[in-house]
Amino acid sequence: EEYIWTKPMFKEFYERLKRDDDHNKMNVCAEICNEGDDAKGRYMNSYPQLIQEIEEALNAKPEVTSPRVSFSGFPANMGEQGLEMTLAALGEIQDIVCNESDDGITLLGEVTFGSVDVAKAAIEQYDGMDMGMGDQLRMISIN
């Protein structure tokens, strides 16, 4: 279920399976997400194309069409000012809204860059990066 909320291209793919009412493929998809390599081993002979499509959907990056980006996962000890300086190294920032997560470990919020190109660069550089706390940074374009 997490992938439905965190991976827009996967959500689109899974919604297509639901519309097609293909419960077998939906079940294989769920098992691939939950059991990874074990499930791939079970289904690779029967569903090689589906497994490839699942992996592509899980790894696909949505098109960036807006300078607005939501983020989460930067270390809270950076503070808003440190985060702003880090992101400004990529280009102009028009606005940033930053809060600590409920556990006080990470920062989350939104940033509006000066252009779509700067937003793309930020997402390419930081989305999925491990900041050493076990969780990956998330940067997603907001349309």
N, C-alpha and C. Protein backbone atom coordinates (compact mmCIF):
# COMPACT_ATOMS: atom_id res chain seq x y z
N GLU A 1 0.82 -1.19 0.00
CA GLU A 1 0.00 0.00 0.00
C GLU A 1 0.87 1.26 0.00
N GLU A 2 2.03 1.21 0.63
CA GLU A 2 2.90 2.38 0.69
C GLU A 2 3.25 2.88 -0.70
N TYR A 3 3.49 1.96 -1.62
CA TYR A 3 3.88 2.36 -2.97
C TYR A 3 2.77 3.13 -3.68
N ILE A 4 1.53 2.86 -3.35
CA ILE A 4 0.40 3.59 -3.95
C ILE A 4 0.52 5.07 -3.60
N TRP A 5 1.00 5.37 -2.40
CA TRP A 5 1.07 6.76 -1.93
C TRP A 5 2.39 7.43 -2.28
N THR A 6 3.46 6.64 -2.43
CA THR A 6 4.78 7.25 -2.62
C THR A 6 5.31 7.15 -4.04
N LYS A 7 4.67 6.37 -4.89
CA LYS A 7 5.17 6.19 -6.25
C LYS A 7 4.01 6.39 -7.23
N PRO A 8 3.85 7.61 -7.72
CA PRO A 8 2.70 7.93 -8.58
C PRO A 8 2.58 7.06 -9.83
N MET A 9 3.70 6.70 -10.42
CA MET A 9 3.64 5.89 -11.63
C MET A 9 3.19 4.46 -11.30
N PHE A 10 3.57 3.96 -10.13
CA PHE A 10 3.11 2.65 -9.71
C PHE A 10 1.61 2.69 -9.44
N LYS A 11 1.15 3.76 -8.80
CA LYS A 11 -0.28 3.90 -8.54
C LYS A 11 -1.07 3.84 -9.84
N GLU A 12 -0.59 4.56 -10.85
CA GLU A 12 -1.23 4.55 -12.16
C GLU A 12 -1.27 3.13 -12.74
N PHE A 13 -0.14 2.43 -12.64
CA PHE A 13 -0.05 1.06 -13.15
C PHE A 13 -1.04 0.14 -12.42
N TYR A 14 -1.06 0.22 -11.09
CA TYR A 14 -1.94 -0.64 -10.30
C TYR A 14 -3.41 -0.33 -10.56
N GLU A 15 -3.73 0.95 -10.72
CA GLU A 15 -5.11 1.34 -11.02
C GLU A 15 -5.56 0.74 -12.37
N ARG A 16 -4.63 0.66 -13.32
CA ARG A 16 -4.95 0.03 -14.61
C ARG A 16 -5.28 -1.45 -14.41
N LEU A 17 -4.51 -2.14 -13.57
CA LEU A 17 -4.81 -3.55 -13.29
C LEU A 17 -6.20 -3.69 -12.66
N LYS A 18 -6.54 -2.75 -11.77
CA LYS A 18 -7.86 -2.78 -11.13
C LYS A 18 -8.97 -2.55 -12.15
N ARG A 19 -8.74 -1.57 -13.04
CA ARG A 19 -9.76 -1.29 -14.08
C ARG A 19 -9.96 -2.50 -14.98
N ASP A 20 -8.86 -3.21 -15.27
CA ASP A 20 -8.94 -4.41 -16.11
C ASP A 20 -9.53 -5.59 -15.35
N ASP A 21 -9.73 -5.43 -14.04
CA ASP A 21 -10.29 -6.46 -13.17
C ASP A 21 -9.47 -7.75 -13.24
N ASP A 22 -8.15 -7.60 -13.31
CA ASP A 22 -7.25 -8.74 -13.42
C ASP A 22 -6.69 -9.07 -12.04
N HIS A 23 -7.43 -9.87 -11.30
CA HIS A 23 -7.06 -10.18 -9.92
C HIS A 23 -5.77 -10.98 -9.82
N ASN A 24 -5.51 -11.85 -10.80
CA ASN A 24 -4.26 -12.61 -10.77
C ASN A 24 -3.06 -11.66 -10.82
N LYS A 25 -3.09 -10.73 -11.75
CA LYS A 25 -1.98 -9.78 -11.88
C LYS A 25 -1.89 -8.86 -10.67
N MET A 26 -3.04 -8.48 -10.11
CA MET A 26 -3.03 -7.64 -8.92
C MET A 26 -2.37 -8.39 -7.75
N ASN A 27 -2.68 -9.69 -7.63
CA ASN A 27 -2.09 -10.48 -6.55
C ASN A 27 -0.58 -10.66 -6.75
N VAL A 28 -0.16 -10.91 -7.99
CA VAL A 28 1.26 -11.03 -8.27
C VAL A 28 1.96 -9.71 -7.94
N CYS A 29 1.34 -8.64 -8.32
CA CYS A 29 1.88 -7.31 -8.06
C CYS A 29 2.06 -7.09 -6.56
N ALA A 30 1.05 -7.43 -5.78
CA ALA A 30 1.13 -7.26 -4.33
C ALA A 30 2.24 -8.13 -3.75
N GLU A 31 2.36 -9.35 -4.23
CA GLU A 31 3.41 -10.23 -3.71
C GLU A 31 4.80 -9.73 -4.08
N ILE A 32 4.97 -9.21 -5.29
CA ILE A 32 6.26 -8.65 -5.69
C ILE A 32 6.63 -7.50 -4.77
N CYS A 33 5.66 -6.65 -4.45
CA CYS A 33 5.93 -5.50 -3.57
C CYS A 33 6.25 -5.94 -2.15
N ASN A 34 5.58 -6.97 -1.67
CA ASN A 34 5.75 -7.38 -0.27
C ASN A 34 6.87 -8.38 -0.05
N GLU A 35 7.13 -9.23 -1.05
CA GLU A 35 8.09 -10.31 -0.85
C GLU A 35 9.31 -10.21 -1.76
N GLY A 36 9.33 -9.25 -2.67
CA GLY A 36 10.48 -9.00 -3.51
C GLY A 36 11.00 -10.19 -4.28
N ASP A 37 12.26 -10.53 -4.06
CA ASP A 37 12.94 -11.57 -4.84
C ASP A 37 12.28 -12.94 -4.70
N ASP A 38 11.74 -13.26 -3.52
CA ASP A 38 11.06 -14.55 -3.37
C ASP A 38 9.88 -14.66 -4.33
N ALA A 39 9.09 -13.62 -4.41
CA ALA A 39 7.93 -13.62 -5.31
C ALA A 39 8.38 -13.61 -6.77
N LYS A 40 9.43 -12.87 -7.07
CA LYS A 40 9.93 -12.86 -8.45
C LYS A 40 10.34 -14.26 -8.87
N GLY A 41 10.99 -14.99 -7.97
CA GLY A 41 11.39 -16.36 -8.26
C GLY A 41 10.20 -17.26 -8.54
N ARG A 42 9.11 -17.06 -7.80
CA ARG A 42 7.90 -17.88 -8.00
C ARG A 42 7.21 -17.57 -9.33
N TYR A 43 7.22 -16.32 -9.74
CA TYR A 43 6.38 -15.90 -10.86
C TYR A 43 7.13 -15.57 -12.14
N MET A 44 8.44 -15.59 -12.12
CA MET A 44 9.22 -15.16 -13.30
C MET A 44 8.87 -15.97 -14.55
N ASN A 45 8.67 -17.26 -14.42
CA ASN A 45 8.35 -18.08 -15.60
C ASN A 45 6.96 -17.80 -16.15
N SER A 46 6.01 -17.52 -15.27
CA SER A 46 4.62 -17.31 -15.71
C SER A 46 4.31 -15.87 -16.10
N TYR A 47 4.98 -14.92 -15.45
CA TYR A 47 4.64 -13.51 -15.65
C TYR A 47 5.88 -12.64 -15.89
N PRO A 48 6.75 -13.00 -16.82
CA PRO A 48 7.98 -12.19 -17.00
C PRO A 48 7.68 -10.75 -17.43
N GLN A 49 6.71 -10.57 -18.32
CA GLN A 49 6.37 -9.23 -18.80
C GLN A 49 5.77 -8.39 -17.67
N LEU A 50 4.90 -9.00 -16.89
CA LEU A 50 4.27 -8.29 -15.77
C LEU A 50 5.33 -7.86 -14.75
N ILE A 51 6.26 -8.74 -14.43
CA ILE A 51 7.30 -8.39 -13.46
C ILE A 51 8.15 -7.23 -13.97
N GLN A 52 8.45 -7.23 -15.26
CA GLN A 52 9.19 -6.11 -15.84
C GLN A 52 8.39 -4.82 -15.72
N GLU A 53 7.10 -4.88 -16.02
CA GLU A 53 6.25 -3.69 -15.93
C GLU A 53 6.14 -3.19 -14.49
N ILE A 54 6.06 -4.11 -13.53
CA ILE A 54 5.99 -3.72 -12.12
C ILE A 54 7.27 -2.98 -11.73
N GLU A 55 8.42 -3.55 -12.10
CA GLU A 55 9.69 -2.91 -11.75
C GLU A 55 9.84 -1.55 -12.41
N GLU A 56 9.41 -1.43 -13.66
CA GLU A 56 9.47 -0.13 -14.33
C GLU A 56 8.58 0.88 -13.63
N ALA A 57 7.38 0.46 -13.24
CA ALA A 57 6.45 1.37 -12.55
C ALA A 57 7.00 1.78 -11.18
N LEU A 58 7.63 0.86 -10.48
CA LEU A 58 8.19 1.17 -9.17
C LEU A 58 9.37 2.13 -9.26
N ASN A 59 10.12 2.06 -10.36
CA ASN A 59 11.32 2.87 -10.50
C ASN A 59 11.13 4.13 -11.34
N ALA A 60 9.95 4.29 -11.94
CA ALA A 60 9.69 5.42 -12.82
C ALA A 60 9.59 6.72 -12.03
N LYS A 61 10.13 7.76 -12.59
CA LYS A 61 10.03 9.09 -12.00
C LYS A 61 8.94 9.86 -12.76
N PRO A 62 7.99 10.44 -12.04
CA PRO A 62 6.96 11.22 -12.74
C PRO A 62 7.57 12.47 -13.37
N GLU A 63 6.95 12.94 -14.43
CA GLU A 63 7.42 14.13 -15.12
C GLU A 63 7.30 15.35 -14.20
N VAL A 64 8.33 16.16 -14.19
CA VAL A 64 8.34 17.39 -13.38
C VAL A 64 7.81 18.52 -14.26
N THR A 65 6.66 19.08 -13.87
CA THR A 65 6.03 20.13 -14.68
C THR A 65 5.80 21.41 -13.88
N SER A 66 6.30 21.43 -12.65
CA SER A 66 6.07 22.57 -11.77
C SER A 66 7.34 22.85 -10.98
N PRO A 67 7.56 24.11 -10.60
CA PRO A 67 8.72 24.43 -9.76
C PRO A 67 8.48 24.08 -8.29
N ARG A 68 7.26 23.66 -7.94
CA ARG A 68 6.94 23.30 -6.55
C ARG A 68 7.27 21.84 -6.29
N VAL A 69 7.95 21.58 -5.16
CA VAL A 69 8.39 20.24 -4.82
C VAL A 69 8.12 19.99 -3.33
N SER A 70 7.52 18.85 -3.01
CA SER A 70 7.41 18.47 -1.61
C SER A 70 8.63 17.63 -1.25
N PHE A 71 9.05 17.72 -0.01
CA PHE A 71 10.22 16.96 0.41
C PHE A 71 10.02 16.39 1.80
N SER A 72 10.76 15.33 2.08
CA SER A 72 10.82 14.76 3.42
C SER A 72 12.11 13.96 3.53
N GLY A 73 12.62 13.87 4.75
CA GLY A 73 13.77 13.03 5.00
C GLY A 73 15.10 13.72 5.23
N PHE A 74 15.17 15.03 5.02
CA PHE A 74 16.41 15.73 5.33
C PHE A 74 16.59 15.73 6.85
N PRO A 75 17.81 15.61 7.36
CA PRO A 75 18.02 15.59 8.81
C PRO A 75 17.56 16.89 9.47
N ALA A 76 16.85 16.76 10.57
CA ALA A 76 16.34 17.94 11.28
C ALA A 76 17.45 18.84 11.79
N ASN A 77 18.62 18.27 12.04
CA ASN A 77 19.70 19.10 12.57
C ASN A 77 20.26 20.07 11.53
N MET A 78 19.84 19.93 10.26
CA MET A 78 20.20 20.92 9.24
C MET A 78 19.50 22.24 9.50
N GLY A 79 18.29 22.15 10.00
CA GLY A 79 17.46 23.33 10.19
C GLY A 79 17.00 23.87 8.84
N GLU A 80 16.03 24.77 8.89
CA GLU A 80 15.49 25.35 7.66
C GLU A 80 16.56 26.12 6.90
N GLN A 81 17.39 26.86 7.62
CA GLN A 81 18.40 27.67 6.96
C GLN A 81 19.44 26.79 6.24
N GLY A 82 19.87 25.72 6.88
CA GLY A 82 20.82 24.81 6.26
C GLY A 82 20.23 24.12 5.05
N LEU A 83 18.97 23.73 5.16
CA LEU A 83 18.29 23.09 4.03
C LEU A 83 18.16 24.07 2.86
N GLU A 84 17.78 25.29 3.18
CA GLU A 84 17.63 26.31 2.13
C GLU A 84 18.96 26.55 1.41
N MET A 85 20.04 26.63 2.17
CA MET A 85 21.36 26.82 1.56
C MET A 85 21.73 25.63 0.66
N THR A 86 21.42 24.42 1.13
CA THR A 86 21.72 23.21 0.36
C THR A 86 20.96 23.22 -0.97
N LEU A 87 19.67 23.51 -0.91
CA LEU A 87 18.85 23.49 -2.13
C LEU A 87 19.17 24.69 -3.03
N ALA A 88 19.53 25.82 -2.44
CA ALA A 88 19.84 27.02 -3.24
C ALA A 88 21.11 26.83 -4.06
N ALA A 89 21.95 25.88 -3.69
CA ALA A 89 23.14 25.60 -4.48
C ALA A 89 22.78 25.11 -5.89
N LEU A 90 21.54 24.65 -6.05
CA LEU A 90 21.08 24.17 -7.36
C LEU A 90 20.46 25.29 -8.20
N GLY A 91 20.03 26.36 -7.55
CA GLY A 91 19.39 27.47 -8.26
C GLY A 91 18.48 28.24 -7.33
N GLU A 92 17.79 29.21 -7.90
CA GLU A 92 16.96 30.12 -7.12
C GLU A 92 15.83 29.40 -6.39
N ILE A 93 15.58 29.85 -5.17
CA ILE A 93 14.44 29.39 -4.38
C ILE A 93 13.53 30.59 -4.16
N GLN A 94 12.27 30.44 -4.53
CA GLN A 94 11.30 31.52 -4.32
C GLN A 94 10.65 31.45 -2.95
N ASP A 95 10.41 30.21 -2.47
CA ASP A 95 9.74 30.05 -1.18
C ASP A 95 10.07 28.67 -0.63
N ILE A 96 10.14 28.59 0.69
CA ILE A 96 10.35 27.30 1.34
C ILE A 96 9.55 27.27 2.63
N VAL A 97 8.85 26.17 2.85
CA VAL A 97 8.10 25.93 4.07
C VAL A 97 8.64 24.62 4.63
N CYS A 98 9.13 24.67 5.87
CA CYS A 98 9.86 23.54 6.42
C CYS A 98 9.41 23.30 7.86
N ASN A 99 9.17 22.04 8.20
CA ASN A 99 8.78 21.66 9.56
C ASN A 99 9.52 20.40 9.96
N GLU A 100 9.69 20.21 11.25
CA GLU A 100 10.24 18.96 11.75
C GLU A 100 9.15 17.90 11.74
N SER A 101 9.55 16.67 11.48
CA SER A 101 8.60 15.56 11.56
C SER A 101 8.17 15.38 13.02
N ASP A 102 7.11 14.62 13.23
CA ASP A 102 6.60 14.42 14.59
C ASP A 102 7.64 13.82 15.52
N ASP A 103 8.54 12.99 14.97
CA ASP A 103 9.56 12.37 15.81
C ASP A 103 10.79 13.28 16.01
N GLY A 104 10.81 14.44 15.31
CA GLY A 104 11.90 15.40 15.47
C GLY A 104 13.20 15.01 14.79
N ILE A 105 13.18 13.97 13.96
CA ILE A 105 14.41 13.47 13.34
C ILE A 105 14.64 14.06 11.95
N THR A 106 13.55 14.29 11.22
CA THR A 106 13.70 14.76 9.84
C THR A 106 12.89 16.02 9.58
N LEU A 107 13.19 16.65 8.45
CA LEU A 107 12.46 17.82 7.99
C LEU A 107 11.52 17.41 6.86
N LEU A 108 10.39 18.08 6.78
CA LEU A 108 9.46 17.88 5.68
C LEU A 108 8.83 19.20 5.33
N GLY A 109 8.36 19.31 4.11
CA GLY A 109 7.72 20.55 3.68
C GLY A 109 7.67 20.68 2.19
N GLU A 110 7.67 21.94 1.73
CA GLU A 110 7.58 22.26 0.31
C GLU A 110 8.57 23.36 -0.02
N VAL A 111 9.07 23.31 -1.23
CA VAL A 111 9.94 24.36 -1.73
C VAL A 111 9.48 24.74 -3.13
N THR A 112 9.50 26.03 -3.41
CA THR A 112 9.19 26.51 -4.76
C THR A 112 10.49 27.07 -5.34
N PHE A 113 10.96 26.43 -6.37
CA PHE A 113 12.19 26.86 -7.03
C PHE A 113 11.89 27.95 -8.05
N GLY A 114 12.93 28.58 -8.57
CA GLY A 114 12.78 29.65 -9.55
C GLY A 114 12.34 29.17 -10.91
N SER A 115 12.50 27.87 -11.18
CA SER A 115 12.09 27.34 -12.49
C SER A 115 11.87 25.83 -12.38
N VAL A 116 11.21 25.29 -13.38
CA VAL A 116 10.98 23.85 -13.45
C VAL A 116 12.31 23.13 -13.60
N ASP A 117 13.26 23.71 -14.34
CA ASP A 117 14.55 23.07 -14.53
C ASP A 117 15.30 22.90 -13.21
N VAL A 118 15.23 23.90 -12.33
CA VAL A 118 15.89 23.78 -11.03
C VAL A 118 15.18 22.72 -10.19
N ALA A 119 13.85 22.67 -10.27
CA ALA A 119 13.10 21.63 -9.55
C ALA A 119 13.51 20.25 -10.03
N LYS A 120 13.63 20.08 -11.35
CA LYS A 120 14.08 18.79 -11.91
C LYS A 120 15.46 18.42 -11.39
N ALA A 121 16.36 19.38 -11.36
CA ALA A 121 17.72 19.12 -10.89
C ALA A 121 17.72 18.69 -9.42
N ALA A 122 16.89 19.33 -8.61
CA ALA A 122 16.81 18.98 -7.19
C ALA A 122 16.27 17.57 -7.01
N ILE A 123 15.23 17.23 -7.75
CA ILE A 123 14.64 15.90 -7.65
C ILE A 123 15.65 14.86 -8.11
N GLU A 124 16.32 15.11 -9.23
CA GLU A 124 17.32 14.17 -9.74
C GLU A 124 18.44 13.97 -8.73
N GLN A 125 18.87 15.04 -8.09
CA GLN A 125 20.00 14.94 -7.17
C GLN A 125 19.63 14.31 -5.83
N TYR A 126 18.46 14.64 -5.28
CA TYR A 126 18.17 14.26 -3.91
C TYR A 126 17.13 13.16 -3.73
N ASP A 127 16.20 12.98 -4.64
CA ASP A 127 15.16 11.97 -4.44
C ASP A 127 15.80 10.58 -4.37
N GLY A 128 15.52 9.89 -3.29
CA GLY A 128 16.04 8.54 -3.11
C GLY A 128 17.39 8.48 -2.40
N MET A 129 18.00 9.62 -2.13
CA MET A 129 19.31 9.64 -1.46
C MET A 129 19.15 9.22 0.00
N ASP A 130 20.11 8.43 0.48
CA ASP A 130 20.14 8.03 1.88
C ASP A 130 21.01 9.01 2.64
N MET A 131 20.45 9.67 3.62
CA MET A 131 21.19 10.65 4.41
C MET A 131 21.81 10.02 5.65
N GLY A 132 21.89 8.69 5.67
CA GLY A 132 22.55 8.00 6.76
C GLY A 132 21.67 7.69 7.95
N MET A 133 20.37 7.88 7.80
CA MET A 133 19.46 7.61 8.91
C MET A 133 18.56 6.41 8.60
N GLY A 134 18.84 5.73 7.50
CA GLY A 134 18.05 4.56 7.14
C GLY A 134 16.89 4.85 6.22
N ASP A 135 16.40 6.08 6.22
CA ASP A 135 15.29 6.45 5.34
C ASP A 135 15.85 7.22 4.15
N GLN A 136 15.18 7.09 3.03
CA GLN A 136 15.59 7.83 1.84
C GLN A 136 14.87 9.16 1.78
N LEU A 137 15.56 10.15 1.20
CA LEU A 137 14.93 11.44 0.95
C LEU A 137 13.84 11.25 -0.09
N ARG A 138 12.79 11.99 0.04
CA ARG A 138 11.70 12.00 -0.95
C ARG A 138 11.52 13.41 -1.44
N MET A 139 11.57 13.58 -2.75
CA MET A 139 11.29 14.87 -3.37
C MET A 139 10.35 14.59 -4.54
N ILE A 140 9.16 15.16 -4.48
CA ILE A 140 8.12 14.88 -5.47
C ILE A 140 7.57 16.19 -6.00
N SER A 141 7.46 16.28 -7.31
CA SER A 141 6.90 17.48 -7.95
C SER A 141 5.43 17.62 -7.57
N ILE A 142 5.03 18.85 -7.26
CA ILE A 142 3.63 19.16 -6.95
C ILE A 142 3.09 19.95 -8.14
N ASN A 143 2.08 19.42 -8.79
CA ASN A 143 1.51 20.11 -9.96
C ASN A 143 0.37 21.01 -9.57
